[in-house]
């Protein structure tokens, strides 16, 4: 009830001549291409509406993220946008925003108490789809390398999707796995994959990349260490570099493209409703993803 009483006041203040609507975006992952794309897309949506948008990045420092959210609440913006943040990690800070009458919009994160709306992909389903695609291509058996990053809520859901799928494929074995460091996920994964290739070589049949950056790193490692290796790489996000690798008929065979600009657009639409004194359509909105392969790109690989 408290938020409903305060938000119309925020809308009234935002409408006052000469007072721009102040929006603060916070994320620990601005170096990530998808996260940056969402942040810039949301800012562009805000620009269309005359909002003044500030972007704060904490470089994978979640303690600093919590502190910066508290600082932002004290600065009293009209709204806060969290990108790629797990509500469980900042629940106390989101509650402070709620108590201050500041709506919190989440993009590519998780829903939770006091989060006005979370706009994301169904990341568990993405993890299932990636896993099924990879294992199907391997004929239902083989040895795979797993690249993951559980600190990101969506990426962790994809990992859980893999776990669920593997229950149905006893002949698929994870022979190596690597927790990807962020920032710098491509270089980190390249170095890790180089070491994995030296250890396992031709035993590797596939690479499961929870997001495209480690898949790109794995491909770069293959090019330098074992360009003739027969393993395949699949990922998620639709990163431009990954798409180009698919188009060039490398080991990278497919990715699931998330519509990050659409997520940002829906987030802005829902926030506009709230700032105008209304309510969101629903507390969590899923945006569909599209599979990208050489075939969908119109390329025939030998």
Protein backbone atom coordinates (compact mmCIF):
# COMPACT_ATOMS: atom_id res chain seq x y z
CA UNK A 1 0.00 0.00 0.00
CA UNK A 2 2.84 2.35 0.75
CA UNK A 3 4.20 2.16 -2.78
CA UNK A 4 0.81 2.82 -4.31
CA UNK A 5 0.50 5.96 -2.20
CA UNK A 6 3.92 7.28 -3.08
CA UNK A 7 4.27 6.49 -6.78
CA UNK A 8 1.63 8.94 -8.01
CA UNK A 9 3.58 11.63 -6.14
CA UNK A 10 6.71 10.58 -8.03
CA UNK A 11 4.77 10.83 -11.26
CA UNK A 12 3.53 14.30 -10.27
CA UNK A 13 7.06 15.49 -9.56
CA UNK A 14 8.34 14.01 -12.83
CA UNK A 15 5.68 15.96 -14.69
CA UNK A 16 6.65 19.28 -13.09
CA UNK A 17 8.04 21.65 -15.76
CA UNK A 18 11.82 21.87 -15.70
CA UNK A 19 12.26 18.66 -13.69
CA UNK A 20 13.58 15.71 -15.68
CA UNK A 21 12.68 12.19 -14.65
CA UNK A 22 15.85 10.76 -13.10
CA UNK A 23 16.57 7.07 -13.76
CA UNK A 24 19.61 5.22 -12.38
CA UNK A 25 20.77 1.94 -13.94
CA UNK A 26 22.97 -0.30 -11.80
CA UNK A 27 24.77 -3.48 -12.86
CA UNK A 28 27.91 -5.43 -12.01
CA UNK A 29 28.41 -6.51 -15.64
CA UNK A 30 28.63 -3.52 -18.01
CA UNK A 31 31.71 -5.10 -19.67
CA UNK A 32 29.44 -7.92 -20.84
CA UNK A 33 28.18 -7.23 -24.35
CA UNK A 34 24.55 -8.28 -23.64
CA UNK A 35 24.42 -6.27 -20.41
CA UNK A 36 25.83 -3.20 -22.10
CA UNK A 37 23.36 -3.64 -24.95
CA UNK A 38 20.47 -3.68 -22.48
CA UNK A 39 21.79 -0.64 -20.62
CA UNK A 40 22.28 1.40 -23.78
CA UNK A 41 18.93 0.27 -25.21
CA UNK A 42 17.14 1.29 -22.02
CA UNK A 43 18.93 4.64 -22.03
CA UNK A 44 17.80 5.18 -25.63
CA UNK A 45 14.22 4.35 -24.62
CA UNK A 46 14.53 6.84 -21.78
CA UNK A 47 15.90 9.50 -24.10
CA UNK A 48 12.75 9.16 -26.22
CA UNK A 49 10.70 9.90 -23.12
CA UNK A 50 12.84 12.78 -21.91
CA UNK A 51 14.31 10.82 -18.99
CA UNK A 52 17.77 11.58 -17.63
CA UNK A 53 19.56 8.23 -17.25
CA UNK A 54 22.74 7.47 -15.29
CA UNK A 55 24.58 4.12 -15.60
CA UNK A 56 26.59 2.75 -12.66
CA UNK A 57 28.82 -0.33 -13.05
CA UNK A 58 30.52 -2.11 -10.13
CA UNK A 59 32.79 -4.44 -12.15
CA UNK A 60 31.57 -7.73 -10.69
CA UNK A 61 31.76 -6.36 -7.12
CA UNK A 62 28.47 -7.31 -5.45
CA UNK A 63 29.37 -5.68 -2.15
CA UNK A 64 29.89 -2.42 -3.97
CA UNK A 65 26.67 -3.00 -5.90
CA UNK A 66 24.68 -3.16 -2.66
CA UNK A 67 26.43 -0.02 -1.39
CA UNK A 68 25.80 1.88 -4.62
CA UNK A 69 22.12 0.96 -4.57
CA UNK A 70 21.90 2.40 -1.05
CA UNK A 71 23.65 5.56 -2.25
CA UNK A 72 21.22 5.77 -5.14
CA UNK A 73 18.19 5.40 -2.86
CA UNK A 74 19.54 8.26 -0.74
CA UNK A 75 19.87 10.37 -3.91
CA UNK A 76 16.12 9.85 -4.56
CA UNK A 77 15.90 9.17 -8.32
CA UNK A 78 12.47 8.57 -9.81
CA UNK A 79 13.32 4.93 -10.53
CA UNK A 80 16.09 2.33 -10.32
CA UNK A 81 16.84 -0.20 -13.05
CA UNK A 82 18.87 -3.30 -12.14
CA UNK A 83 20.44 -5.27 -15.00
CA UNK A 84 21.57 -8.89 -14.59
CA UNK A 85 21.16 -8.80 -10.81
CA UNK A 86 19.82 -11.56 -8.56
CA UNK A 87 17.23 -10.14 -6.16
CA UNK A 88 18.56 -12.46 -3.45
CA UNK A 89 21.88 -10.58 -3.50
CA UNK A 90 20.35 -7.12 -3.01
CA UNK A 91 16.97 -7.79 -1.38
CA UNK A 92 17.63 -5.47 1.56
CA UNK A 93 18.60 -2.62 -0.75
CA UNK A 94 15.56 -3.17 -2.98
CA UNK A 95 13.41 -3.00 0.14
CA UNK A 96 14.98 0.38 1.00
CA UNK A 97 14.00 1.64 -2.46
CA UNK A 98 10.46 0.36 -2.00
CA UNK A 99 10.16 2.08 1.38
CA UNK A 100 11.39 5.30 -0.23
CA UNK A 101 8.70 5.04 -2.93
CA UNK A 102 11.24 4.33 -5.71
CA UNK A 103 10.15 1.67 -8.23
CA UNK A 104 12.78 -0.95 -9.10
CA UNK A 105 12.76 -2.42 -12.61
CA UNK A 106 14.82 -5.57 -13.25
CA UNK A 107 16.14 -6.59 -16.67
CA UNK A 108 17.66 -10.05 -17.19
CA UNK A 109 17.50 -10.61 -13.44
CA UNK A 110 15.10 -12.26 -11.03
CA UNK A 111 11.72 -11.34 -9.68
CA UNK A 112 11.39 -10.80 -5.96
CA UNK A 113 9.66 -8.92 -3.18
CA UNK A 114 9.61 -5.16 -3.89
CA UNK A 115 10.79 -5.61 -7.51
CA UNK A 116 8.20 -3.78 -9.61
CA UNK A 117 8.75 -5.96 -12.70
CA UNK A 118 11.42 -8.33 -14.01
CA UNK A 119 11.80 -8.56 -17.79
CA UNK A 120 13.95 -11.47 -18.93
CA UNK A 121 14.23 -14.64 -20.95
CA UNK A 122 13.09 -17.91 -19.43
CA UNK A 123 16.68 -18.85 -18.71
CA UNK A 124 15.93 -22.34 -17.42
CA UNK A 125 14.21 -23.12 -20.72
CA UNK A 126 17.17 -21.62 -22.59
CA UNK A 127 19.50 -23.93 -20.68
CA UNK A 128 17.32 -26.90 -21.55
CA UNK A 129 17.18 -25.90 -25.23
CA UNK A 130 20.95 -25.38 -25.44
CA UNK A 131 21.59 -28.73 -23.79
CA UNK A 132 19.12 -30.63 -25.96
CA UNK A 133 20.51 -29.01 -29.13
CA UNK A 134 24.09 -29.90 -28.23
CA UNK A 135 23.37 -33.47 -27.14
CA UNK A 136 21.14 -34.11 -30.16
CA UNK A 137 23.98 -32.97 -32.43
CA UNK A 138 26.29 -35.39 -30.59
CA UNK A 139 23.90 -38.28 -31.15
CA UNK A 140 22.94 -38.58 -27.51
CA UNK A 141 26.40 -39.44 -26.20
CA UNK A 142 29.85 -37.94 -25.80
CA UNK A 143 32.17 -35.92 -23.61
CA UNK A 144 31.55 -32.24 -23.10
CA UNK A 145 33.19 -29.23 -21.51
CA UNK A 146 31.00 -26.95 -19.42
CA UNK A 147 31.57 -23.18 -19.08
CA UNK A 148 29.38 -21.49 -16.46
CA UNK A 149 29.04 -18.42 -14.24
CA UNK A 150 26.65 -19.09 -11.37
CA UNK A 151 26.85 -15.55 -9.94
CA UNK A 152 24.60 -14.32 -12.75
CA UNK A 153 21.01 -15.37 -11.92
CA UNK A 154 20.01 -16.10 -15.50
CA UNK A 155 23.18 -17.97 -16.34
CA UNK A 156 22.75 -20.09 -13.21
CA UNK A 157 19.25 -21.05 -14.36
CA UNK A 158 20.75 -22.25 -17.64
CA UNK A 159 23.13 -24.43 -15.67
CA UNK A 160 20.17 -25.93 -13.82
CA UNK A 161 18.57 -26.61 -17.20
CA UNK A 162 21.67 -28.59 -18.21
CA UNK A 163 21.52 -30.59 -14.99
CA UNK A 164 17.91 -31.51 -15.71
CA UNK A 165 18.61 -32.60 -19.29
CA UNK A 166 21.63 -34.69 -18.33
CA UNK A 167 19.38 -36.90 -16.20
CA UNK A 168 18.04 -38.29 -19.49
CA UNK A 169 21.43 -38.89 -21.12
CA UNK A 170 23.64 -41.22 -19.07
CA UNK A 171 26.09 -41.52 -21.98
CA UNK A 172 26.96 -37.81 -21.85
CA UNK A 173 29.86 -36.98 -19.55
CA UNK A 174 31.17 -33.61 -18.41
CA UNK A 175 34.94 -34.18 -18.55
CA UNK A 176 35.92 -30.62 -17.60
CA UNK A 177 34.18 -27.50 -16.38
CA UNK A 178 35.28 -23.93 -15.81
CA UNK A 179 33.78 -21.09 -13.79
CA UNK A 180 34.17 -18.09 -16.09
CA UNK A 181 35.70 -14.96 -14.63
CA UNK A 182 33.99 -11.64 -15.31
CA UNK A 183 35.20 -9.09 -16.46
CA UNK A 184 37.31 -10.61 -19.22
CA UNK A 185 35.25 -13.76 -19.90
CA UNK A 186 36.58 -14.36 -23.43
CA UNK A 187 40.26 -14.29 -22.48
CA UNK A 188 39.62 -16.26 -19.29
CA UNK A 189 37.78 -18.96 -21.23
CA UNK A 190 40.37 -19.03 -24.00
CA UNK A 191 43.14 -19.73 -21.50
CA UNK A 192 41.03 -22.35 -19.70
CA UNK A 193 40.12 -24.08 -22.98
CA UNK A 194 43.74 -24.15 -24.10
CA UNK A 195 44.61 -26.04 -20.92
CA UNK A 196 41.61 -28.35 -21.30
CA UNK A 197 42.59 -29.15 -24.89
CA UNK A 198 46.13 -30.01 -23.80
CA UNK A 199 44.72 -32.39 -21.21
CA UNK A 200 41.84 -34.01 -23.10
CA UNK A 201 42.54 -33.32 -26.78
CA UNK A 202 40.46 -35.47 -29.11
CA UNK A 203 38.34 -36.81 -26.24
CA UNK A 204 36.22 -33.63 -26.33
CA UNK A 205 33.04 -33.86 -28.40
CA UNK A 206 31.26 -30.66 -27.42
CA UNK A 207 31.45 -27.39 -25.51
CA UNK A 208 28.44 -26.18 -23.51
CA UNK A 209 28.79 -22.42 -23.09
CA UNK A 210 26.25 -20.91 -20.69
CA UNK A 211 26.70 -17.65 -22.59
CA UNK A 212 28.48 -16.82 -25.83
CA UNK A 213 31.63 -15.20 -24.44
CA UNK A 214 33.18 -18.45 -23.16
CA UNK A 215 32.14 -20.16 -26.38
CA UNK A 216 34.08 -17.48 -28.27
CA UNK A 217 37.06 -18.08 -25.99
CA UNK A 218 36.82 -21.82 -26.61
CA UNK A 219 36.81 -21.25 -30.38
CA UNK A 220 39.86 -18.97 -30.18
CA UNK A 221 41.64 -21.67 -28.16
CA UNK A 222 40.72 -24.30 -30.75
CA UNK A 223 42.09 -22.13 -33.54
CA UNK A 224 45.44 -21.84 -31.78
CA UNK A 225 45.72 -25.30 -30.21
CA UNK A 226 43.73 -27.80 -32.30
CA UNK A 227 42.17 -26.23 -35.41
CA UNK A 228 41.38 -29.67 -36.85
CA UNK A 229 39.51 -30.87 -33.77
CA UNK A 230 36.00 -32.13 -34.45
CA UNK A 231 34.19 -30.91 -31.32
CA UNK A 232 31.32 -28.44 -31.57
CA UNK A 233 30.48 -25.33 -29.52
CA UNK A 234 27.03 -23.98 -28.68
CA UNK A 235 26.04 -20.99 -26.58
CA UNK A 236 23.41 -18.44 -25.66
CA UNK A 237 22.97 -14.68 -26.25
CA UNK A 238 23.44 -14.03 -29.97
CA UNK A 239 26.68 -12.14 -29.41
CA UNK A 240 27.78 -10.53 -32.72
CA UNK A 241 31.20 -12.20 -32.60
CA UNK A 242 29.63 -15.60 -31.94
CA UNK A 243 27.21 -15.12 -34.84
CA UNK A 244 30.13 -14.30 -37.13
CA UNK A 245 31.93 -17.45 -36.00
CA UNK A 246 28.82 -19.48 -36.84
CA UNK A 247 28.66 -17.80 -40.24
CA UNK A 248 32.34 -18.59 -40.82
CA UNK A 249 31.70 -22.32 -40.22
CA UNK A 250 33.96 -22.64 -37.18
CA UNK A 251 33.49 -25.06 -34.26
CA UNK A 252 30.82 -22.63 -32.98
CA UNK A 253 27.61 -24.09 -34.42
CA UNK A 254 24.67 -22.29 -32.80
CA UNK A 255 23.50 -19.71 -30.30
CA UNK A 256 20.15 -18.72 -28.86
CA UNK A 257 19.67 -15.02 -29.49
CA UNK A 258 18.01 -13.12 -26.65
CA UNK A 259 16.16 -9.97 -27.63
CA UNK A 260 17.91 -7.53 -25.29
CA UNK A 261 16.59 -4.35 -26.94
CA UNK A 262 13.06 -5.74 -26.58
CA UNK A 263 13.68 -6.46 -22.90
CA UNK A 264 14.80 -2.87 -22.44
CA UNK A 265 11.83 -1.59 -24.40
CA UNK A 266 9.32 -3.56 -22.34
CA UNK A 267 11.06 -2.48 -19.15
CA UNK A 268 10.76 1.16 -20.19
CA UNK A 269 7.10 0.71 -21.16
CA UNK A 270 6.29 -0.84 -17.79
CA UNK A 271 8.20 1.85 -15.91
CA UNK A 272 6.37 4.59 -17.82
CA UNK A 273 3.07 3.12 -16.64
CA UNK A 274 4.24 3.18 -13.03
CA UNK A 275 5.59 6.73 -13.23
CA UNK A 276 2.21 7.79 -14.61
CA UNK A 277 0.54 6.36 -11.49
CA UNK A 278 -0.48 3.02 -12.95
CA UNK A 279 0.62 -0.57 -12.39
CA UNK A 280 2.66 -3.06 -14.41
CA UNK A 281 1.03 -5.65 -16.65
CA UNK A 282 2.49 -8.53 -14.62
CA UNK A 283 5.40 -8.94 -12.19
CA UNK A 284 7.54 -10.99 -14.60
CA UNK A 285 7.64 -10.82 -18.39
CA UNK A 286 9.44 -13.40 -20.54
CA UNK A 287 10.83 -12.38 -23.95
CA UNK A 288 11.32 -15.26 -26.45
CA UNK A 289 14.74 -16.19 -27.87
CA UNK A 290 15.57 -17.32 -31.43
CA UNK A 291 18.07 -20.01 -32.46
CA UNK A 292 20.83 -18.89 -34.83
CA UNK A 293 22.67 -21.50 -36.92
CA UNK A 294 24.55 -21.51 -40.21
CA UNK A 295 21.30 -22.60 -41.85
CA UNK A 296 19.29 -19.68 -40.44
CA UNK A 297 22.09 -17.37 -41.60
CA UNK A 298 21.85 -18.78 -45.13
CA UNK A 299 25.28 -20.43 -45.01
CA UNK A 300 26.20 -23.94 -46.11
CA UNK A 301 29.11 -25.40 -44.18
CA UNK A 302 31.08 -28.38 -45.47
